PDB file of N, CA and C in Angstrom:
ATOM      1  N   UNK A   1      30.854  61.957  24.618  1.00  0.00           N
ATOM      2  CA  UNK A   1      30.019  60.938  24.021  1.00  0.00           C
ATOM      3  C   UNK A   1      30.541  60.549  22.636  1.00  0.00           C
ATOM      4  N   UNK A   2      31.626  61.158  22.229  1.00  0.00           N
ATOM      5  CA  UNK A   2      32.157  60.940  20.883  1.00  0.00           C
ATOM      6  C   UNK A   2      32.445  59.471  20.573  1.00  0.00           C
ATOM      7  N   UNK A   3      32.858  58.721  21.553  1.00  0.00           N
ATOM      8  CA  UNK A   3      33.243  57.328  21.323  1.00  0.00           C
ATOM      9  C   UNK A   3      32.104  56.330  21.519  1.00  0.00           C
ATOM     10  N   UNK A   4      30.918  56.817  21.863  1.00  0.00           N
ATOM     11  CA  UNK A   4      29.801  55.910  22.130  1.00  0.00           C
ATOM     12  C   UNK A   4      29.271  55.277  20.860  1.00  0.00           C
ATOM     13  N   UNK A   5      28.810  54.090  21.012  1.00  0.00           N
ATOM     14  CA  UNK A   5      28.147  53.355  19.935  1.00  0.00           C
ATOM     15  C   UNK A   5      26.746  53.020  20.427  1.00  0.00           C
ATOM     16  N   UNK A   6      25.815  52.860  19.499  1.00  0.00           N
ATOM     17  CA  UNK A   6      24.441  52.565  19.905  1.00  0.00           C
ATOM     18  C   UNK A   6      24.294  51.121  20.376  1.00  0.00           C
ATOM     19  N   UNK A   7      25.286  50.299  20.120  1.00  0.00           N
ATOM     20  CA  UNK A   7      25.187  48.892  20.490  1.00  0.00           C
ATOM     21  C   UNK A   7      24.654  48.042  19.351  1.00  0.00           C
ATOM     22  N   UNK A   8      24.356  48.674  18.265  1.00  0.00           N
ATOM     23  CA  UNK A   8      23.937  47.941  17.086  1.00  0.00           C
ATOM     24  C   UNK A   8      22.441  47.898  16.875  1.00  0.00           C
ATOM     25  N   UNK A   9      22.065  47.950  15.627  1.00  0.00           N
ATOM     26  CA  UNK A   9      20.656  47.887  15.259  1.00  0.00           C
ATOM     27  C   UNK A   9      20.081  46.530  15.621  1.00  0.00           C
ATOM     28  N   UNK A  10      20.928  45.503  15.633  1.00  0.00           N
ATOM     29  CA  UNK A  10      20.461  44.166  16.000  1.00  0.00           C
ATOM     30  C   UNK A  10      19.798  44.193  17.371  1.00  0.00           C
ATOM     31  N   UNK A  11      20.365  44.949  18.302  1.00  0.00           N
ATOM     32  CA  UNK A  11      19.782  45.079  19.638  1.00  0.00           C
ATOM     33  C   UNK A  11      18.358  45.617  19.554  1.00  0.00           C
ATOM     34  N   UNK A  12      18.142  46.608  18.708  1.00  0.00           N
ATOM     35  CA  UNK A  12      16.806  47.191  18.543  1.00  0.00           C
ATOM     36  C   UNK A  12      15.827  46.153  18.011  1.00  0.00           C
ATOM     37  N   UNK A  13      16.238  45.423  16.982  1.00  0.00           N
ATOM     38  CA  UNK A  13      15.343  44.422  16.400  1.00  0.00           C
ATOM     39  C   UNK A  13      15.098  43.263  17.367  1.00  0.00           C
ATOM     40  N   UNK A  14      16.116  42.864  18.116  1.00  0.00           N
ATOM     41  CA  UNK A  14      15.942  41.803  19.112  1.00  0.00           C
ATOM     42  C   UNK A  14      14.912  42.201  20.159  1.00  0.00           C
ATOM     43  N   UNK A  15      14.968  43.448  20.612  1.00  0.00           N
ATOM     44  CA  UNK A  15      14.007  43.926  21.614  1.00  0.00           C
ATOM     45  C   UNK A  15      12.589  43.857  21.071  1.00  0.00           C
ATOM     46  N   UNK A  16      12.421  44.220  19.817  1.00  0.00           N
ATOM     47  CA  UNK A  16      11.086  44.165  19.212  1.00  0.00           C
ATOM     48  C   UNK A  16      10.608  42.728  19.067  1.00  0.00           C
ATOM     49  N   UNK A  17      11.489  41.843  18.681  1.00  0.00           N
ATOM     50  CA  UNK A  17      11.110  40.441  18.521  1.00  0.00           C
ATOM     51  C   UNK A  17      10.725  39.814  19.852  1.00  0.00           C
ATOM     52  N   UNK A  18      11.371  40.229  20.929  1.00  0.00           N
ATOM     53  CA  UNK A  18      11.047  39.695  22.256  1.00  0.00           C
ATOM     54  C   UNK A  18       9.819  40.367  22.863  1.00  0.00           C
ATOM     55  N   UNK A  19       9.264  41.335  22.148  1.00  0.00           N
ATOM     56  CA  UNK A  19       8.078  42.024  22.650  1.00  0.00           C
ATOM     57  C   UNK A  19       8.379  43.052  23.716  1.00  0.00           C
ATOM     58  N   UNK A  20       9.642  43.488  23.800  1.00  0.00           N
ATOM     59  CA  UNK A  20      10.037  44.495  24.795  1.00  0.00           C
ATOM     60  C   UNK A  20      10.788  45.631  24.106  1.00  0.00           C
ATOM     61  N   UNK A  21      10.096  46.386  23.247  1.00  0.00           N
ATOM     62  CA  UNK A  21      10.785  47.407  22.455  1.00  0.00           C
ATOM     63  C   UNK A  21      11.397  48.534  23.273  1.00  0.00           C
ATOM     64  N   UNK A  22      10.904  48.772  24.473  1.00  0.00           N
ATOM     65  CA  UNK A  22      11.423  49.882  25.276  1.00  0.00           C
ATOM     66  C   UNK A  22      12.546  49.476  26.214  1.00  0.00           C
ATOM     67  N   UNK A  23      12.872  48.190  26.251  1.00  0.00           N
ATOM     68  CA  UNK A  23      13.937  47.698  27.129  1.00  0.00           C
ATOM     69  C   UNK A  23      15.288  48.002  26.480  1.00  0.00           C
ATOM     70  N   UNK A  24      16.037  48.909  27.072  1.00  0.00           N
ATOM     71  CA  UNK A  24      17.314  49.326  26.499  1.00  0.00           C
ATOM     72  C   UNK A  24      18.452  48.437  26.979  1.00  0.00           C
ATOM     73  N   UNK A  25      19.450  48.288  26.131  1.00  0.00           N
ATOM     74  CA  UNK A  25      20.659  47.580  26.543  1.00  0.00           C
ATOM     75  C   UNK A  25      21.405  48.452  27.543  1.00  0.00           C
ATOM     76  N   UNK A  26      22.371  47.874  28.216  1.00  0.00           N
ATOM     77  CA  UNK A  26      23.159  48.631  29.208  1.00  0.00           C
ATOM     78  C   UNK A  26      23.815  49.840  28.540  1.00  0.00           C
ATOM     79  N   UNK A  27      24.406  49.626  27.372  1.00  0.00           N
ATOM     80  CA  UNK A  27      25.062  50.712  26.654  1.00  0.00           C
ATOM     81  C   UNK A  27      24.059  51.792  26.246  1.00  0.00           C
ATOM     82  N   UNK A  28      22.890  51.382  25.756  1.00  0.00           N
ATOM     83  CA  UNK A  28      21.856  52.350  25.386  1.00  0.00           C
ATOM     84  C   UNK A  28      21.407  53.164  26.587  1.00  0.00           C
ATOM     85  N   UNK A  29      21.281  52.519  27.744  1.00  0.00           N
ATOM     86  CA  UNK A  29      20.887  53.242  28.959  1.00  0.00           C
ATOM     87  C   UNK A  29      21.945  54.273  29.341  1.00  0.00           C
ATOM     88  N   UNK A  30      23.229  53.909  29.238  1.00  0.00           N
ATOM     89  CA  UNK A  30      24.307  54.843  29.568  1.00  0.00           C
ATOM     90  C   UNK A  30      24.301  56.050  28.641  1.00  0.00           C
ATOM     91  N   UNK A  31      24.130  55.810  27.349  1.00  0.00           N
ATOM     92  CA  UNK A  31      24.098  56.907  26.388  1.00  0.00           C
ATOM     93  C   UNK A  31      22.920  57.830  26.676  1.00  0.00           C
ATOM     94  N   UNK A  32      21.748  57.248  26.895  1.00  0.00           N
ATOM     95  CA  UNK A  32      20.552  58.051  27.175  1.00  0.00           C
ATOM     96  C   UNK A  32      20.742  58.847  28.466  1.00  0.00           C
ATOM     97  N   UNK A  33      21.293  58.212  29.485  1.00  0.00           N
ATOM     98  CA  UNK A  33      21.536  58.885  30.765  1.00  0.00           C
ATOM     99  C   UNK A  33      22.497  60.058  30.575  1.00  0.00           C
ATOM    100  N   UNK A  34      23.587  59.848  29.862  1.00  0.00           N
ATOM    101  CA  UNK A  34      24.543  60.933  29.617  1.00  0.00           C
ATOM    102  C   UNK A  34      23.908  62.066  28.806  1.00  0.00           C
ATOM    103  N   UNK A  35      23.127  61.689  27.800  1.00  0.00           N
ATOM    104  CA  UNK A  35      22.456  62.695  26.968  1.00  0.00           C
ATOM    105  C   UNK A  35      21.575  63.578  27.837  1.00  0.00           C
ATOM    106  N   UNK A  36      20.768  62.949  28.686  1.00  0.00           N
ATOM    107  CA  UNK A  36      19.852  63.700  29.550  1.00  0.00           C
ATOM    108  C   UNK A  36      20.605  64.480  30.622  1.00  0.00           C
ATOM    109  N   UNK A  37      21.622  63.863  31.202  1.00  0.00           N
ATOM    110  CA  UNK A  37      22.381  64.507  32.276  1.00  0.00           C
ATOM    111  C   UNK A  37      23.086  65.771  31.780  1.00  0.00           C
ATOM    112  N   UNK A  38      23.584  65.738  30.576  1.00  0.00           N
ATOM    113  CA  UNK A  38      24.293  66.893  30.025  1.00  0.00           C
ATOM    114  C   UNK A  38      23.348  67.898  29.362  1.00  0.00           C
ATOM    115  N   UNK A  39      22.067  67.584  29.368  1.00  0.00           N
ATOM    116  CA  UNK A  39      21.035  68.466  28.810  1.00  0.00           C
ATOM    117  C   UNK A  39      21.357  68.863  27.371  1.00  0.00           C
ATOM    118  N   UNK A  40      21.728  67.892  26.584  1.00  0.00           N
ATOM    119  CA  UNK A  40      22.043  68.148  25.192  1.00  0.00           C
ATOM    120  C   UNK A  40      20.768  68.370  24.391  1.00  0.00           C
ATOM    121  N   UNK A  41      20.854  69.185  23.373  1.00  0.00           N
ATOM    122  CA  UNK A  41      19.694  69.471  22.530  1.00  0.00           C
ATOM    123  C   UNK A  41      19.507  68.419  21.442  1.00  0.00           C
ATOM    124  N   UNK A  42      20.606  67.952  20.901  1.00  0.00           N
ATOM    125  CA  UNK A  42      20.527  67.048  19.770  1.00  0.00           C
ATOM    126  C   UNK A  42      21.853  66.295  19.635  1.00  0.00           C
ATOM    127  N   UNK A  43      21.776  65.115  19.091  1.00  0.00           N
ATOM    128  CA  UNK A  43      22.963  64.325  18.834  1.00  0.00           C
ATOM    129  C   UNK A  43      23.156  64.244  17.321  1.00  0.00           C
ATOM    130  N   UNK A  44      24.397  64.314  16.866  1.00  0.00           N
ATOM    131  CA  UNK A  44      24.726  64.145  15.450  1.00  0.00           C
ATOM    132  C   UNK A  44      25.580  62.900  15.334  1.00  0.00           C
ATOM    133  N   UNK A  45      25.181  62.013  14.424  1.00  0.00           N
ATOM    134  CA  UNK A  45      25.888  60.743  14.250  1.00  0.00           C
ATOM    135  C   UNK A  45      26.279  60.556  12.797  1.00  0.00           C
ATOM    136  N   UNK A  46      27.245  59.680  12.575  1.00  0.00           N
ATOM    137  CA  UNK A  46      27.635  59.365  11.197  1.00  0.00           C
ATOM    138  C   UNK A  46      27.208  57.962  10.784  1.00  0.00           C
ATOM    139  N   UNK A  47      26.534  57.261  11.660  1.00  0.00           N
ATOM    140  CA  UNK A  47      26.106  55.882  11.388  1.00  0.00           C
ATOM    141  C   UNK A  47      24.582  55.831  11.284  1.00  0.00           C
ATOM    142  N   UNK A  48      24.046  55.330  10.174  1.00  0.00           N
ATOM    143  CA  UNK A  48      22.587  55.229  10.048  1.00  0.00           C
ATOM    144  C   UNK A  48      21.968  54.315  11.102  1.00  0.00           C
ATOM    145  N   UNK A  49      22.712  53.310  11.535  1.00  0.00           N
ATOM    146  CA  UNK A  49      22.212  52.423  12.591  1.00  0.00           C
ATOM    147  C   UNK A  49      22.060  53.166  13.900  1.00  0.00           C
ATOM    148  N   UNK A  50      23.058  53.951  14.246  1.00  0.00           N
ATOM    149  CA  UNK A  50      22.976  54.754  15.471  1.00  0.00           C
ATOM    150  C   UNK A  50      21.828  55.747  15.376  1.00  0.00           C
ATOM    151  N   UNK A  51      21.646  56.341  14.206  1.00  0.00           N
ATOM    152  CA  UNK A  51      20.539  57.283  14.038  1.00  0.00           C
ATOM    153  C   UNK A  51      19.211  56.594  14.316  1.00  0.00           C
ATOM    154  N   UNK A  52      19.022  55.424  13.784  1.00  0.00           N
ATOM    155  CA  UNK A  52      17.773  54.687  13.988  1.00  0.00           C
ATOM    156  C   UNK A  52      17.569  54.335  15.459  1.00  0.00           C
ATOM    157  N   UNK A  53      18.617  53.807  16.095  1.00  0.00           N
ATOM    158  CA  UNK A  53      18.504  53.378  17.490  1.00  0.00           C
ATOM    159  C   UNK A  53      18.252  54.565  18.412  1.00  0.00           C
ATOM    160  N   UNK A  54      19.039  55.635  18.281  1.00  0.00           N
ATOM    161  CA  UNK A  54      18.860  56.791  19.168  1.00  0.00           C
ATOM    162  C   UNK A  54      17.517  57.476  18.925  1.00  0.00           C
ATOM    163  N   UNK A  55      17.105  57.566  17.669  1.00  0.00           N
ATOM    164  CA  UNK A  55      15.798  58.147  17.357  1.00  0.00           C
ATOM    165  C   UNK A  55      14.697  57.331  18.033  1.00  0.00           C
ATOM    166  N   UNK A  56      14.830  56.029  18.000  1.00  0.00           N
ATOM    167  CA  UNK A  56      13.849  55.147  18.630  1.00  0.00           C
ATOM    168  C   UNK A  56      13.853  55.308  20.150  1.00  0.00           C
ATOM    169  N   UNK A  57      15.004  55.683  20.717  1.00  0.00           N
ATOM    170  CA  UNK A  57      15.134  55.863  22.161  1.00  0.00           C
ATOM    171  C   UNK A  57      14.579  57.207  22.632  1.00  0.00           C
ATOM    172  N   UNK A  58      14.147  58.053  21.723  1.00  0.00           N
ATOM    173  CA  UNK A  58      13.624  59.361  22.115  1.00  0.00           C
ATOM    174  C   UNK A  58      14.668  60.454  22.163  1.00  0.00           C
ATOM    175  N   UNK A  59      15.834  60.197  21.580  1.00  0.00           N
ATOM    176  CA  UNK A  59      16.908  61.185  21.546  1.00  0.00           C
ATOM    177  C   UNK A  59      16.819  61.933  20.215  1.00  0.00           C
ATOM    178  N   UNK A  60      16.710  63.255  20.231  1.00  0.00           N
ATOM    179  CA  UNK A  60      16.728  64.001  18.974  1.00  0.00           C
ATOM    180  C   UNK A  60      18.080  63.794  18.287  1.00  0.00           C
ATOM    181  N   UNK A  61      18.068  63.239  17.102  1.00  0.00           N
ATOM    182  CA  UNK A  61      19.311  62.867  16.437  1.00  0.00           C
ATOM    183  C   UNK A  61      19.250  63.212  14.955  1.00  0.00           C
ATOM    184  N   UNK A  62      20.358  63.729  14.455  1.00  0.00           N
ATOM    185  CA  UNK A  62      20.517  64.008  13.037  1.00  0.00           C
ATOM    186  C   UNK A  62      21.678  63.180  12.501  1.00  0.00           C
ATOM    187  N   UNK A  63      21.532  62.690  11.294  1.00  0.00           N
ATOM    188  CA  UNK A  63      22.678  62.091  10.607  1.00  0.00           C
ATOM    189  C   UNK A  63      23.530  63.253  10.120  1.00  0.00           C
ATOM    190  N   UNK A  64      24.821  63.048  10.044  1.00  0.00           N
ATOM    191  CA  UNK A  64      25.747  64.121   9.652  1.00  0.00           C
ATOM    192  C   UNK A  64      25.357  64.730   8.306  1.00  0.00           C
ATOM    193  N   UNK A  65      24.823  63.920   7.394  1.00  0.00           N
ATOM    194  CA  UNK A  65      24.425  64.454   6.089  1.00  0.00           C
ATOM    195  C   UNK A  65      23.225  65.400   6.218  1.00  0.00           C
ATOM    196  N   UNK A  66      22.342  65.116   7.169  1.00  0.00           N
ATOM    197  CA  UNK A  66      21.214  66.018   7.407  1.00  0.00           C
ATOM    198  C   UNK A  66      21.705  67.348   7.974  1.00  0.00           C
ATOM    199  N   UNK A  67      22.669  67.272   8.888  1.00  0.00           N
ATOM    200  CA  UNK A  67      23.242  68.494   9.453  1.00  0.00           C
ATOM    201  C   UNK A  67      23.921  69.320   8.367  1.00  0.00           C
ATOM    202  N   UNK A  68      24.668  68.661   7.496  1.00  0.00           N
ATOM    203  CA  UNK A  68      25.342  69.382   6.411  1.00  0.00           C
ATOM    204  C   UNK A  68      24.324  70.035   5.475  1.00  0.00           C
ATOM    205  N   UNK A  69      23.255  69.322   5.161  1.00  0.00           N
ATOM    206  CA  UNK A  69      22.217  69.900   4.302  1.00  0.00           C
ATOM    207  C   UNK A  69      21.603  71.136   4.952  1.00  0.00           C
ATOM    208  N   UNK A  70      21.307  71.047   6.252  1.00  0.00           N
ATOM    209  CA  UNK A  70      20.750  72.199   6.968  1.00  0.00           C
ATOM    210  C   UNK A  70      21.743  73.365   6.976  1.00  0.00           C
ATOM    211  N   UNK A  71      23.023  73.051   7.181  1.00  0.00           N
ATOM    212  CA  UNK A  71      24.051  74.094   7.203  1.00  0.00           C
ATOM    213  C   UNK A  71      24.181  74.784   5.848  1.00  0.00           C
ATOM    214  N   UNK A  72      23.847  74.080   4.777  1.00  0.00           N
ATOM    215  CA  UNK A  72      23.919  74.661   3.432  1.00  0.00           C
ATOM    216  C   UNK A  72      22.611  75.327   3.025  1.00  0.00           C
ATOM    217  N   UNK A  73      21.647  75.394   3.967  1.00  0.00           N
ATOM    218  CA  UNK A  73      20.414  76.114   3.713  1.00  0.00           C
ATOM    219  C   UNK A  73      19.250  75.282   3.213  1.00  0.00           C
ATOM    220  N   UNK A  74      19.354  73.964   3.268  1.00  0.00           N
ATOM    221  CA  UNK A  74      18.258  73.103   2.827  1.00  0.00           C
ATOM    222  C   UNK A  74      17.037  73.293   3.719  1.00  0.00           C
ATOM    223  N   UNK A  75      15.874  73.172   3.134  1.00  0.00           N
ATOM    224  CA  UNK A  75      14.630  73.294   3.886  1.00  0.00           C
ATOM    225  C   UNK A  75      14.482  72.087   4.821  1.00  0.00           C
ATOM    226  N   UNK A  76      14.273  72.330   6.126  1.00  0.00           N
ATOM    227  CA  UNK A  76      14.194  71.222   7.085  1.00  0.00           C
ATOM    228  C   UNK A  76      13.068  70.227   6.794  1.00  0.00           C
ATOM    229  N   UNK A  77      11.955  70.719   6.282  1.00  0.00           N
ATOM    230  CA  UNK A  77      10.823  69.813   6.047  1.00  0.00           C
ATOM    231  C   UNK A  77      10.799  69.258   4.625  1.00  0.00           C
ATOM    232  N   UNK A  78      11.104  70.080   3.652  1.00  0.00           N
ATOM    233  CA  UNK A  78      11.000  69.652   2.260  1.00  0.00           C
ATOM    234  C   UNK A  78      12.202  68.828   1.805  1.00  0.00           C
ATOM    235  N   UNK A  79      13.391  69.225   2.193  1.00  0.00           N
ATOM    236  CA  UNK A  79      14.601  68.555   1.718  1.00  0.00           C
ATOM    237  C   UNK A  79      15.127  67.534   2.721  1.00  0.00           C
ATOM    238  N   UNK A  80      15.274  67.959   3.976  1.00  0.00           N
ATOM    239  CA  UNK A  80      15.837  67.074   5.003  1.00  0.00           C
ATOM    240  C   UNK A  80      14.781  66.108   5.531  1.00  0.00           C
ATOM    241  N   UNK A  81      13.528  66.506   5.469  1.00  0.00           N
ATOM    242  CA  UNK A  81      12.387  65.698   5.892  1.00  0.00           C
ATOM    243  C   UNK A  81      12.496  65.309   7.376  1.00  0.00           C
ATOM    244  N   UNK A  82      12.626  66.339   8.219  1.00  0.00           N
ATOM    245  CA  UNK A  82      12.775  66.095   9.653  1.00  0.00           C
ATOM    246  C   UNK A  82      11.561  65.420  10.270  1.00  0.00           C
ATOM    247  N   UNK A  83      10.396  65.565   9.646  1.00  0.00           N
ATOM    248  CA  UNK A  83       9.192  64.934  10.190  1.00  0.00           C
ATOM    249  C   UNK A  83       9.233  63.420  10.044  1.00  0.00           C
ATOM    250  N   UNK A  84      10.214  62.898   9.335  1.00  0.00           N
ATOM    251  CA  UNK A  84      10.376  61.453   9.205  1.00  0.00           C
ATOM    252  C   UNK A  84      11.029  60.807  10.420  1.00  0.00           C
ATOM    253  N   UNK A  85      11.531  61.625  11.320  1.00  0.00           N
ATOM    254  CA  UNK A  85      12.138  61.097  12.535  1.00  0.00           C
ATOM    255  C   UNK A  85      11.054  60.731  13.546  1.00  0.00           C
ATOM    256  N   UNK A  86      11.320  59.707  14.348  1.00  0.00           N
ATOM    257  CA  UNK A  86      10.379  59.319  15.402  1.00  0.00           C
ATOM    258  C   UNK A  86      10.360  60.352  16.523  1.00  0.00           C
ATOM    259  N   UNK A  87      11.521  60.896  16.841  1.00  0.00           N
ATOM    260  CA  UNK A  87      11.656  61.904  17.891  1.00  0.00           C
ATOM    261  C   UNK A  87      11.681  63.277  17.229  1.00  0.00           C
ATOM    262  N   UNK A  88      10.835  64.172  17.687  1.00  0.00           N
ATOM    263  CA  UNK A  88      10.721  65.489  17.069  1.00  0.00           C
ATOM    264  C   UNK A  88      12.032  66.264  17.140  1.00  0.00           C
ATOM    265  N   UNK A  89      12.405  66.823  16.003  1.00  0.00           N
ATOM    266  CA  UNK A  89      13.585  67.679  15.933  1.00  0.00           C
ATOM    267  C   UNK A  89      13.201  69.156  15.965  1.00  0.00           C
ATOM    268  N   UNK A  90      11.904  69.420  15.990  1.00  0.00           N
ATOM    269  CA  UNK A  90      11.442  70.811  15.956  1.00  0.00           C
ATOM    270  C   UNK A  90      11.952  71.655  17.120  1.00  0.00           C
ATOM    271  N   UNK A  91      11.865  71.189  18.377  1.00  0.00           N
ATOM    272  CA  UNK A  91      12.342  72.047  19.476  1.00  0.00           C
ATOM    273  C   UNK A  91      13.811  72.464  19.338  1.00  0.00           C
ATOM    274  N   UNK A  92      14.748  71.538  19.107  1.00  0.00           N
ATOM    275  CA  UNK A  92      16.136  72.005  18.992  1.00  0.00           C
ATOM    276  C   UNK A  92      16.378  72.851  17.747  1.00  0.00           C
ATOM    277  N   UNK A  93      15.694  72.550  16.651  1.00  0.00           N
ATOM    278  CA  UNK A  93      15.886  73.351  15.442  1.00  0.00           C
ATOM    279  C   UNK A  93      15.281  74.747  15.591  1.00  0.00           C
ATOM    280  N   UNK A  94      14.211  74.854  16.359  1.00  0.00           N
ATOM    281  CA  UNK A  94      13.632  76.189  16.653  1.00  0.00           C
ATOM    282  C   UNK A  94      14.619  77.005  17.501  1.00  0.00           C
ATOM    283  N   UNK A  95      15.259  76.344  18.470  1.00  0.00           N
ATOM    284  CA  UNK A  95      16.196  77.041  19.364  1.00  0.00           C
ATOM    285  C   UNK A  95      17.348  77.666  18.590  1.00  0.00           C
ATOM    286  N   UNK A  96      17.740  77.051  17.477  1.00  0.00           N
ATOM    287  CA  UNK A  96      18.868  77.610  16.717  1.00  0.00           C
ATOM    288  C   UNK A  96      18.395  78.384  15.479  1.00  0.00           C
ATOM    289  N   UNK A  97      17.083  78.590  15.390  1.00  0.00           N
ATOM    290  CA  UNK A  97      16.541  79.447  14.345  1.00  0.00           C
ATOM    291  C   UNK A  97      16.352  78.802  12.977  1.00  0.00           C
ATOM    292  N   UNK A  98      16.326  77.483  12.911  1.00  0.00           N
ATOM    293  CA  UNK A  98      16.119  76.823  11.616  1.00  0.00           C
ATOM    294  C   UNK A  98      14.665  76.519  11.315  1.00  0.00           C
ATOM    295  N   UNK A  99      13.791  76.712  12.278  1.00  0.00           N
ATOM    296  CA  UNK A  99      12.343  76.529  12.066  1.00  0.00           C
ATOM    297  C   UNK A  99      11.603  77.756  12.541  1.00  0.00           C
TER     298      UNK A  99
END
């Protein structure tokens, strides 16, 4: 999944403007399908747009800076503010002992 792109934040905003926020683009459907098929716990991205789109799609996602902060011992709720995500990060973070 390393080469996947979210298809752009514009796609997300277009869906909302058309009144169909849950209608995914073809690329978004493929990414979501692969994520679920491979039973991944969380996705890490380096693009804030991808983070927004995947989070909106129900995929647990961290921006690389959030992952680095967690790796350096930052508090998940106070510093990283994981509760600000639309999709809960608690289950995967509990599995690896960060919560």
